[in-house]
PDB file of all heavy atoms in Angstrom:
ATOM      1  N   LEU A   1       0.833  -1.198   0.001  1.00  0.00           N
ATOM      2  CA  LEU A   1      -0.001   0.000  -0.001  1.00  0.00           C
ATOM      3  C   LEU A   1       0.871   1.253   0.000  1.00  0.00           C
ATOM      4  O   LEU A   1       0.646   2.180  -0.789  1.00  0.00           O
ATOM      5  CB  LEU A   1      -0.914  -0.012   1.224  1.00  0.00           C
ATOM      6  CG  LEU A   1      -1.777   1.239   1.428  1.00  0.00           C
ATOM      7  CD1 LEU A   1      -2.692   1.476   0.240  1.00  0.00           C
ATOM      8  CD2 LEU A   1      -2.576   1.127   2.715  1.00  0.00           C
ATOM      9  N   ARG A   2       1.877   1.284   0.880  1.00  0.00           N
ATOM     10  CA  ARG A   2       2.741   2.462   0.949  1.00  0.00           C
ATOM     11  C   ARG A   2       3.481   2.672  -0.369  1.00  0.00           C
ATOM     12  O   ARG A   2       3.583   3.795  -0.869  1.00  0.00           O
ATOM     13  CB  ARG A   2       3.747   2.307   2.089  1.00  0.00           C
ATOM     14  CG  ARG A   2       3.139   2.372   3.481  1.00  0.00           C
ATOM     15  CD  ARG A   2       4.238   2.495   4.503  1.00  0.00           C
ATOM     16  NE  ARG A   2       3.740   2.491   5.870  1.00  0.00           N
ATOM     17  CZ  ARG A   2       4.435   2.921   6.909  1.00  0.00           C
ATOM     18  NH1 ARG A   2       5.655   3.411   6.732  1.00  0.00           N
ATOM     19  NH2 ARG A   2       3.933   2.886   8.126  1.00  0.00           N
ATOM     20  N   ARG A   3       4.017   1.594  -0.907  1.00  0.00           N
ATOM     21  CA  ARG A   3       4.737   1.709  -2.175  1.00  0.00           C
ATOM     22  C   ARG A   3       3.787   2.129  -3.290  1.00  0.00           C
ATOM     23  O   ARG A   3       4.122   2.973  -4.125  1.00  0.00           O
ATOM     24  CB  ARG A   3       5.404   0.386  -2.514  1.00  0.00           C
ATOM     25  CG  ARG A   3       6.208   0.410  -3.825  1.00  0.00           C
ATOM     26  CD  ARG A   3       6.847  -0.934  -4.095  1.00  0.00           C
ATOM     27  NE  ARG A   3       7.772  -1.313  -3.022  1.00  0.00           N
ATOM     28  CZ  ARG A   3       8.395  -2.485  -2.989  1.00  0.00           C
ATOM     29  NH1 ARG A   3       8.181  -3.387  -3.939  1.00  0.00           N
ATOM     30  NH2 ARG A   3       9.236  -2.755  -2.007  1.00  0.00           N
ATOM     31  N   GLY A   4       2.594   1.556  -3.277  1.00  0.00           N
ATOM     32  CA  GLY A   4       1.615   1.899  -4.305  1.00  0.00           C
ATOM     33  C   GLY A   4       1.197   3.352  -4.248  1.00  0.00           C
ATOM     34  O   GLY A   4       1.037   4.004  -5.288  1.00  0.00           O
ATOM     35  N   LEU A   5       1.016   3.887  -3.047  1.00  0.00           N
ATOM     36  CA  LEU A   5       0.625   5.293  -2.910  1.00  0.00           C
ATOM     37  C   LEU A   5       1.696   6.218  -3.473  1.00  0.00           C
ATOM     38  O   LEU A   5       1.388   7.222  -4.123  1.00  0.00           O
ATOM     39  CB  LEU A   5       0.361   5.620  -1.443  1.00  0.00           C
ATOM     40  CG  LEU A   5      -0.920   5.028  -0.842  1.00  0.00           C
ATOM     41  CD1 LEU A   5      -0.938   5.223   0.672  1.00  0.00           C
ATOM     42  CD2 LEU A   5      -2.168   5.646  -1.477  1.00  0.00           C
ATOM     43  N   ALA A   6       2.962   5.885  -3.232  1.00  0.00           N
ATOM     44  CA  ALA A   6       4.058   6.713  -3.742  1.00  0.00           C
ATOM     45  C   ALA A   6       4.130   6.640  -5.265  1.00  0.00           C
ATOM     46  O   ALA A   6       4.217   7.668  -5.954  1.00  0.00           O
ATOM     47  CB  ALA A   6       5.378   6.272  -3.121  1.00  0.00           C
ATOM     48  N   VAL A   7       4.094   5.419  -5.792  1.00  0.00           N
ATOM     49  CA  VAL A   7       4.186   5.238  -7.243  1.00  0.00           C
ATOM     50  C   VAL A   7       2.987   5.883  -7.935  1.00  0.00           C
ATOM     51  O   VAL A   7       3.122   6.529  -8.980  1.00  0.00           O
ATOM     52  CB  VAL A   7       4.288   3.744  -7.592  1.00  0.00           C
ATOM     53  CG1 VAL A   7       4.171   3.533  -9.106  1.00  0.00           C
ATOM     54  CG2 VAL A   7       5.598   3.169  -7.080  1.00  0.00           C
ATOM     55  N   GLN A   8       1.813   5.706  -7.333  1.00  0.00           N
ATOM     56  CA  GLN A   8       0.602   6.271  -7.928  1.00  0.00           C
ATOM     57  C   GLN A   8       0.664   7.787  -7.998  1.00  0.00           C
ATOM     58  O   GLN A   8       0.328   8.387  -9.032  1.00  0.00           O
ATOM     59  CB  GLN A   8      -0.614   5.852  -7.117  1.00  0.00           C
ATOM     60  CG  GLN A   8      -1.920   6.476  -7.606  1.00  0.00           C
ATOM     61  CD  GLN A   8      -3.045   6.264  -6.625  1.00  0.00           C
ATOM     62  OE1 GLN A   8      -2.823   6.055  -5.441  1.00  0.00           O
ATOM     63  NE2 GLN A   8      -4.261   6.293  -7.118  1.00  0.00           N
ATOM     64  N   LEU A   9       1.098   8.431  -6.919  1.00  0.00           N
ATOM     65  CA  LEU A   9       1.153   9.889  -6.894  1.00  0.00           C
ATOM     66  C   LEU A   9       2.128  10.409  -7.947  1.00  0.00           C
ATOM     67  O   LEU A   9       1.801  11.322  -8.717  1.00  0.00           O
ATOM     68  CB  LEU A   9       1.557  10.375  -5.511  1.00  0.00           C
ATOM     69  CG  LEU A   9       1.645  11.894  -5.327  1.00  0.00           C
ATOM     70  CD1 LEU A   9       0.323  12.568  -5.670  1.00  0.00           C
ATOM     71  CD2 LEU A   9       2.065  12.235  -3.900  1.00  0.00           C
ATOM     72  N   VAL A  10       3.306   9.810  -7.998  1.00  0.00           N
ATOM     73  CA  VAL A  10       4.300  10.242  -8.984  1.00  0.00           C
ATOM     74  C   VAL A  10       3.791   9.981 -10.401  1.00  0.00           C
ATOM     75  O   VAL A  10       3.911  10.828 -11.293  1.00  0.00           O
ATOM     76  CB  VAL A  10       5.644   9.522  -8.752  1.00  0.00           C
ATOM     77  CG1 VAL A  10       6.617   9.825  -9.884  1.00  0.00           C
ATOM     78  CG2 VAL A  10       6.248   9.946  -7.417  1.00  0.00           C
ATOM     79  N   GLY A  11       3.196   8.807 -10.617  1.00  0.00           N
ATOM     80  CA  GLY A  11       2.694   8.470 -11.944  1.00  0.00           C
ATOM     81  C   GLY A  11       1.571   9.379 -12.393  1.00  0.00           C
ATOM     82  O   GLY A  11       1.521   9.806 -13.558  1.00  0.00           O
ATOM     83  N   THR A  12       0.654   9.692 -11.479  1.00  0.00           N
ATOM     84  CA  THR A  12      -0.473  10.559 -11.822  1.00  0.00           C
ATOM     85  C   THR A  12       0.006  11.960 -12.168  1.00  0.00           C
ATOM     86  O   THR A  12      -0.420  12.548 -13.169  1.00  0.00           O
ATOM     87  CB  THR A  12      -1.473  10.628 -10.651  1.00  0.00           C
ATOM     88  OG1 THR A  12      -1.985   9.312 -10.398  1.00  0.00           O
ATOM     89  CG2 THR A  12      -2.628  11.560 -10.989  1.00  0.00           C
ATOM     90  N   LEU A  13       0.902  12.506 -11.353  1.00  0.00           N
ATOM     91  CA  LEU A  13       1.429  13.843 -11.631  1.00  0.00           C
ATOM     92  C   LEU A  13       2.185  13.863 -12.957  1.00  0.00           C
ATOM     93  O   LEU A  13       2.068  14.813 -13.744  1.00  0.00           O
ATOM     94  CB  LEU A  13       2.332  14.301 -10.492  1.00  0.00           C
ATOM     95  CG  LEU A  13       1.629  14.588  -9.159  1.00  0.00           C
ATOM     96  CD1 LEU A  13       2.657  14.903  -8.074  1.00  0.00           C
ATOM     97  CD2 LEU A  13       0.650  15.748  -9.299  1.00  0.00           C
ATOM     98  N   THR A  14       2.962  12.814 -13.215  1.00  0.00           N
ATOM     99  CA  THR A  14       3.701  12.736 -14.476  1.00  0.00           C
ATOM    100  C   THR A  14       2.753  12.691 -15.663  1.00  0.00           C
ATOM    101  O   THR A  14       2.945  13.396 -16.669  1.00  0.00           O
ATOM    102  CB  THR A  14       4.614  11.501 -14.489  1.00  0.00           C
ATOM    103  OG1 THR A  14       5.537  11.581 -13.402  1.00  0.00           O
ATOM    104  CG2 THR A  14       5.383  11.403 -15.802  1.00  0.00           C
ATOM    105  N   ALA A  15       1.709  11.870 -15.567  1.00  0.00           N
ATOM    106  CA  ALA A  15       0.742  11.755 -16.659  1.00  0.00           C
ATOM    107  C   ALA A  15       0.059  13.082 -16.935  1.00  0.00           C
ATOM    108  O   ALA A  15      -0.120  13.484 -18.101  1.00  0.00           O
ATOM    109  CB  ALA A  15      -0.294  10.685 -16.330  1.00  0.00           C
ATOM    110  N   LEU A  16      -0.321  13.804 -15.880  1.00  0.00           N
ATOM    111  CA  LEU A  16      -1.004  15.083 -16.064  1.00  0.00           C
ATOM    112  C   LEU A  16      -0.068  16.138 -16.644  1.00  0.00           C
ATOM    113  O   LEU A  16      -0.475  16.945 -17.490  1.00  0.00           O
ATOM    114  CB  LEU A  16      -1.589  15.553 -14.738  1.00  0.00           C
ATOM    115  CG  LEU A  16      -2.740  14.707 -14.195  1.00  0.00           C
ATOM    116  CD1 LEU A  16      -3.170  15.193 -12.810  1.00  0.00           C
ATOM    117  CD2 LEU A  16      -3.935  14.717 -15.147  1.00  0.00           C
ATOM    118  N   VAL A  17       1.185  16.133 -16.214  1.00  0.00           N
ATOM    119  CA  VAL A  17       2.155  17.081 -16.777  1.00  0.00           C
ATOM    120  C   VAL A  17       2.361  16.798 -18.264  1.00  0.00           C
ATOM    121  O   VAL A  17       2.427  17.726 -19.081  1.00  0.00           O
ATOM    122  CB  VAL A  17       3.490  17.007 -16.012  1.00  0.00           C
ATOM    123  CG1 VAL A  17       4.585  17.766 -16.768  1.00  0.00           C
ATOM    124  CG2 VAL A  17       3.338  17.583 -14.614  1.00  0.00           C
ATOM    125  N   VAL A  18       2.457  15.526 -18.619  1.00  0.00           N
ATOM    126  CA  VAL A  18       2.610  15.162 -20.032  1.00  0.00           C
ATOM    127  C   VAL A  18       1.390  15.616 -20.831  1.00  0.00           C
ATOM    128  O   VAL A  18       1.516  16.153 -21.940  1.00  0.00           O
ATOM    129  CB  VAL A  18       2.837  13.647 -20.183  1.00  0.00           C
ATOM    130  CG1 VAL A  18       2.750  13.228 -21.650  1.00  0.00           C
ATOM    131  CG2 VAL A  18       4.195  13.253 -19.607  1.00  0.00           C
ATOM    132  N   MET A  19       0.192  15.411 -20.277  1.00  0.00           N
ATOM    133  CA  MET A  19      -1.028  15.855 -20.963  1.00  0.00           C
ATOM    134  C   MET A  19      -1.004  17.360 -21.203  1.00  0.00           C
ATOM    135  O   MET A  19      -1.303  17.834 -22.305  1.00  0.00           O
ATOM    136  CB  MET A  19      -2.261  15.493 -20.127  1.00  0.00           C
ATOM    137  CG  MET A  19      -2.626  14.039 -20.114  1.00  0.00           C
ATOM    138  SD  MET A  19      -4.151  13.787 -19.147  1.00  0.00           S
ATOM    139  CE  MET A  19      -4.113  12.012 -18.955  1.00  0.00           C
ATOM    140  N   PHE A  20      -0.639  18.122 -20.166  1.00  0.00           N
ATOM    141  CA  PHE A  20      -0.572  19.576 -20.306  1.00  0.00           C
ATOM    142  C   PHE A  20       0.445  19.958 -21.377  1.00  0.00           C
ATOM    143  O   PHE A  20       0.203  20.866 -22.190  1.00  0.00           O
ATOM    144  CB  PHE A  20      -0.198  20.222 -18.969  1.00  0.00           C
ATOM    145  CG  PHE A  20      -1.376  20.683 -18.175  1.00  0.00           C
ATOM    146  CD1 PHE A  20      -2.264  19.771 -17.624  1.00  0.00           C
ATOM    147  CD2 PHE A  20      -1.612  22.030 -17.968  1.00  0.00           C
ATOM    148  CE1 PHE A  20      -3.361  20.189 -16.894  1.00  0.00           C
ATOM    149  CE2 PHE A  20      -2.700  22.465 -17.236  1.00  0.00           C
ATOM    150  CZ  PHE A  20      -3.582  21.539 -16.692  1.00  0.00           C
ATOM    151  N   ALA A  21       1.593  19.275 -21.388  1.00  0.00           N
ATOM    152  CA  ALA A  21       2.633  19.600 -22.364  1.00  0.00           C
ATOM    153  C   ALA A  21       2.161  19.307 -23.782  1.00  0.00           C
ATOM    154  O   ALA A  21       2.402  20.094 -24.712  1.00  0.00           O
ATOM    155  CB  ALA A  21       3.904  18.810 -22.053  1.00  0.00           C
ATOM    156  N   VAL A  22       1.479  18.181 -23.965  1.00  0.00           N
ATOM    157  CA  VAL A  22       0.982  17.818 -25.297  1.00  0.00           C
ATOM    158  C   VAL A  22      -0.073  18.820 -25.759  1.00  0.00           C
ATOM    159  O   VAL A  22      -0.064  19.273 -26.916  1.00  0.00           O
ATOM    160  CB  VAL A  22       0.413  16.384 -25.291  1.00  0.00           C
ATOM    161  CG1 VAL A  22      -0.327  16.091 -26.598  1.00  0.00           C
ATOM    162  CG2 VAL A  22       1.538  15.371 -25.090  1.00  0.00           C
ATOM    163  N   ILE A  23      -0.989  19.169 -24.854  1.00  0.00           N
ATOM    164  CA  ILE A  23      -2.031  20.140 -25.216  1.00  0.00           C
ATOM    165  C   ILE A  23      -1.410  21.482 -25.586  1.00  0.00           C
ATOM    166  O   ILE A  23      -1.794  22.113 -26.578  1.00  0.00           O
ATOM    167  CB  ILE A  23      -3.035  20.306 -24.058  1.00  0.00           C
ATOM    168  CG1 ILE A  23      -3.812  19.010 -23.838  1.00  0.00           C
ATOM    169  CG2 ILE A  23      -4.006  21.456 -24.352  1.00  0.00           C
ATOM    170  CD1 ILE A  23      -4.668  19.018 -22.578  1.00  0.00           C
ATOM    171  N   GLN A  24      -0.423  21.916 -24.794  1.00  0.00           N
ATOM    172  CA  GLN A  24       0.210  23.202 -25.095  1.00  0.00           C
ATOM    173  C   GLN A  24       0.930  23.159 -26.445  1.00  0.00           C
ATOM    174  O   GLN A  24       0.911  24.136 -27.200  1.00  0.00           O
ATOM    175  CB  GLN A  24       1.182  23.571 -23.982  1.00  0.00           C
ATOM    176  CG  GLN A  24       1.801  24.958 -24.135  1.00  0.00           C
ATOM    177  CD  GLN A  24       0.751  26.055 -24.074  1.00  0.00           C
ATOM    178  OE1 GLN A  24       0.265  26.420 -23.020  1.00  0.00           O
ATOM    179  NE2 GLN A  24       0.382  26.606 -25.243  1.00  0.00           N
ATOM    180  N   TYR A  25       1.555  22.033 -26.734  1.00  0.00           N
ATOM    181  CA  TYR A  25       2.229  21.894 -28.030  1.00  0.00           C
ATOM    182  C   TYR A  25       1.229  21.947 -29.170  1.00  0.00           C
ATOM    183  O   TYR A  25       1.470  22.596 -30.200  1.00  0.00           O
ATOM    184  CB  TYR A  25       3.013  20.585 -28.076  1.00  0.00           C
ATOM    185  CG  TYR A  25       3.608  20.300 -29.437  1.00  0.00           C
ATOM    186  CD1 TYR A  25       4.623  21.110 -29.946  1.00  0.00           C
ATOM    187  CD2 TYR A  25       3.145  19.234 -30.212  1.00  0.00           C
ATOM    188  CE1 TYR A  25       5.168  20.855 -31.201  1.00  0.00           C
ATOM    189  CE2 TYR A  25       3.685  18.983 -31.458  1.00  0.00           C
ATOM    190  CZ  TYR A  25       4.692  19.804 -31.946  1.00  0.00           C
ATOM    191  OH  TYR A  25       5.224  19.556 -33.191  1.00  0.00           O
ATOM    192  N   ARG A  26       0.095  21.285 -29.010  1.00  0.00           N
ATOM    193  CA  ARG A  26      -0.934  21.312 -30.057  1.00  0.00           C
ATOM    194  C   ARG A  26      -1.493  22.723 -30.230  1.00  0.00           C
ATOM    195  O   ARG A  26      -1.794  23.142 -31.359  1.00  0.00           O
ATOM    196  CB  ARG A  26      -2.056  20.339 -29.712  1.00  0.00           C
ATOM    197  CG  ARG A  26      -1.655  18.869 -29.742  1.00  0.00           C
ATOM    198  CD  ARG A  26      -1.052  18.469 -31.058  1.00  0.00           C
ATOM    199  NE  ARG A  26      -0.938  17.022 -31.176  1.00  0.00           N
ATOM    200  CZ  ARG A  26      -0.304  16.406 -32.171  1.00  0.00           C
ATOM    201  NH1 ARG A  26       0.290  17.125 -33.113  1.00  0.00           N
ATOM    202  NH2 ARG A  26      -0.250  15.093 -32.216  1.00  0.00           N
ATOM    203  N   LEU A  27      -1.641  23.454 -29.141  1.00  0.00           N
ATOM    204  CA  LEU A  27      -2.092  24.838 -29.248  1.00  0.00           C
ATOM    205  C   LEU A  27      -1.068  25.685 -29.995  1.00  0.00           C
ATOM    206  O   LEU A  27      -1.424  26.561 -30.801  1.00  0.00           O
ATOM    207  CB  LEU A  27      -2.352  25.413 -27.859  1.00  0.00           C
ATOM    208  CG  LEU A  27      -3.576  24.872 -27.125  1.00  0.00           C
ATOM    209  CD1 LEU A  27      -3.587  25.338 -25.673  1.00  0.00           C
ATOM    210  CD2 LEU A  27      -4.860  25.302 -27.824  1.00  0.00           C
ATOM    211  N   TYR A  28       0.210  25.429 -29.726  1.00  0.00           N
ATOM    212  CA  TYR A  28       1.266  26.128 -30.467  1.00  0.00           C
ATOM    213  C   TYR A  28       1.158  25.810 -31.956  1.00  0.00           C
ATOM    214  O   TYR A  28       1.250  26.709 -32.808  1.00  0.00           O
ATOM    215  CB  TYR A  28       2.622  25.711 -29.930  1.00  0.00           C
ATOM    216  CG  TYR A  28       3.772  26.180 -30.792  1.00  0.00           C
ATOM    217  CD1 TYR A  28       4.310  27.456 -30.638  1.00  0.00           C
ATOM    218  CD2 TYR A  28       4.307  25.345 -31.769  1.00  0.00           C
ATOM    219  CE1 TYR A  28       5.359  27.892 -31.435  1.00  0.00           C
ATOM    220  CE2 TYR A  28       5.352  25.768 -32.580  1.00  0.00           C
ATOM    221  CZ  TYR A  28       5.871  27.043 -32.407  1.00  0.00           C
ATOM    222  OH  TYR A  28       6.903  27.471 -33.213  1.00  0.00           O
ATOM    223  N   GLN A  29       0.984  24.530 -32.272  1.00  0.00           N
ATOM    224  CA  GLN A  29       0.857  24.138 -33.672  1.00  0.00           C
ATOM    225  C   GLN A  29      -0.314  24.843 -34.346  1.00  0.00           C
ATOM    226  O   GLN A  29      -0.179  25.391 -35.452  1.00  0.00           O
ATOM    227  CB  GLN A  29       0.656  22.622 -33.778  1.00  0.00           C
ATOM    228  CG  GLN A  29       1.913  21.796 -33.650  1.00  0.00           C
ATOM    229  CD  GLN A  29       1.627  20.338 -33.963  1.00  0.00           C
ATOM    230  OE1 GLN A  29       0.723  19.720 -33.395  1.00  0.00           O
ATOM    231  NE2 GLN A  29       2.393  19.769 -34.880  1.00  0.00           N
ATOM    232  N   ALA A  30      -1.468  24.819 -33.678  1.00  0.00           N
ATOM    233  CA  ALA A  30      -2.660  25.427 -34.273  1.00  0.00           C
ATOM    234  C   ALA A  30      -2.483  26.921 -34.474  1.00  0.00           C
ATOM    235  O   ALA A  30      -2.904  27.484 -35.495  1.00  0.00           O
ATOM    236  CB  ALA A  30      -3.877  25.144 -33.393  1.00  0.00           C
ATOM    237  N   GLY A  31      -1.843  27.568 -33.512  1.00  0.00           N
ATOM    238  CA  GLY A  31      -1.654  29.012 -33.600  1.00  0.00           C
ATOM    239  C   GLY A  31      -0.590  29.432 -34.591  1.00  0.00           C
ATOM    240  O   GLY A  31      -0.513  30.615 -34.958  1.00  0.00           O
ATOM    241  N   HIS A  32       0.230  28.476 -35.028  1.00  0.00           N
ATOM    242  CA  HIS A  32       1.273  28.776 -36.016  1.00  0.00           C
ATOM    243  C   HIS A  32       1.010  28.062 -37.337  1.00  0.00           C
ATOM    244  O   HIS A  32       1.930  27.928 -38.163  1.00  0.00           O
ATOM    245  CB  HIS A  32       2.643  28.388 -35.456  1.00  0.00           C
ATOM    246  CG  HIS A  32       3.131  29.315 -34.389  1.00  0.00           C
ATOM    247  ND1 HIS A  32       2.688  29.233 -33.084  1.00  0.00           N
ATOM    248  CD2 HIS A  32       3.986  30.360 -34.433  1.00  0.00           C
ATOM    249  CE1 HIS A  32       3.268  30.186 -32.366  1.00  0.00           C
ATOM    250  NE2 HIS A  32       4.057  30.876 -33.149  1.00  0.00           N
ATOM    251  N   ALA A  33      -0.207  27.615 -37.521  1.00  0.00           N
ATOM    252  CA  ALA A  33      -0.597  26.999 -38.792  1.00  0.00           C
ATOM    253  C   ALA A  33      -1.825  27.712 -39.344  1.00  0.00           C
ATOM    254  O   ALA A  33      -2.764  27.091 -39.841  1.00  0.00           O
ATOM    255  CB  ALA A  33      -0.887  25.504 -38.590  1.00  0.00           C
ATOM    256  N   LEU A  34      -1.808  29.045 -39.231  1.00  0.00           N
ATOM    257  CA  LEU A  34      -2.953  29.836 -39.679  1.00  0.00           C
ATOM    258  C   LEU A  34      -3.118  29.730 -41.195  1.00  0.00           C
ATOM    259  O   LEU A  34      -2.132  29.683 -41.941  1.00  0.00           O
ATOM    260  CB  LEU A  34      -2.768  31.303 -39.269  1.00  0.00           C
ATOM    261  CG  LEU A  34      -2.600  31.569 -37.775  1.00  0.00           C
ATOM    262  CD1 LEU A  34      -2.428  33.062 -37.524  1.00  0.00           C
ATOM    263  CD2 LEU A  34      -3.787  31.028 -36.987  1.00  0.00           C
ATOM    264  N   ASP A  35      -4.359  29.678 -41.621  1.00  0.00           N
ATOM    265  CA  ASP A  35      -4.678  29.557 -43.042  1.00  0.00           C
ATOM    266  C   ASP A  35      -4.252  30.833 -43.777  1.00  0.00           C
ATOM    267  O   ASP A  35      -4.766  31.922 -43.483  1.00  0.00           O
ATOM    268  CB  ASP A  35      -6.179  29.328 -43.192  1.00  0.00           C
ATOM    269  CG  ASP A  35      -6.572  29.006 -44.621  1.00  0.00           C
ATOM    270  OD1 ASP A  35      -5.737  29.161 -45.528  1.00  0.00           O
ATOM    271  OD2 ASP A  35      -7.734  28.591 -44.817  1.00  0.00           O
ATOM    272  N   PRO A  36      -3.322  30.723 -44.728  1.00  0.00           N
ATOM    273  CA  PRO A  36      -2.889  31.931 -45.453  1.00  0.00           C
ATOM    274  C   PRO A  36      -3.976  32.533 -46.327  1.00  0.00           C
ATOM    275  O   PRO A  36      -3.860  33.682 -46.755  1.00  0.00           O
ATOM    276  CB  PRO A  36      -1.717  31.428 -46.300  1.00  0.00           C
ATOM    277  CG  PRO A  36      -1.957  29.963 -46.456  1.00  0.00           C
ATOM    278  CD  PRO A  36      -2.606  29.523 -45.183  1.00  0.00           C
ATOM    279  N   GLU A  37      -5.034  31.764 -46.576  1.00  0.00           N
ATOM    280  CA  GLU A  37      -6.143  32.261 -47.395  1.00  0.00           C
ATOM    281  C   GLU A  37      -7.272  32.836 -46.546  1.00  0.00           C
ATOM    282  O   GLU A  37      -8.350  33.125 -47.063  1.00  0.00           O
ATOM    283  CB  GLU A  37      -6.692  31.119 -48.269  1.00  0.00           C
ATOM    284  CG  GLU A  37      -5.658  30.498 -49.205  1.00  0.00           C
ATOM    285  CD  GLU A  37      -5.072  31.528 -50.160  1.00  0.00           C
ATOM    286  OE1 GLU A  37      -5.839  32.391 -50.644  1.00  0.00           O
ATOM    287  OE2 GLU A  37      -3.857  31.467 -50.422  1.00  0.00           O
TER     288      GLU A  37
END
């Protein structure tokens, strides 16, 4: 239980940080791929 709580907390925070990073990257892509027409 103790080991699981530690691994879970680190894993959850890591997953959420990765999600935020991916979303921010996609927002960067969208904002720099404006339709020239």
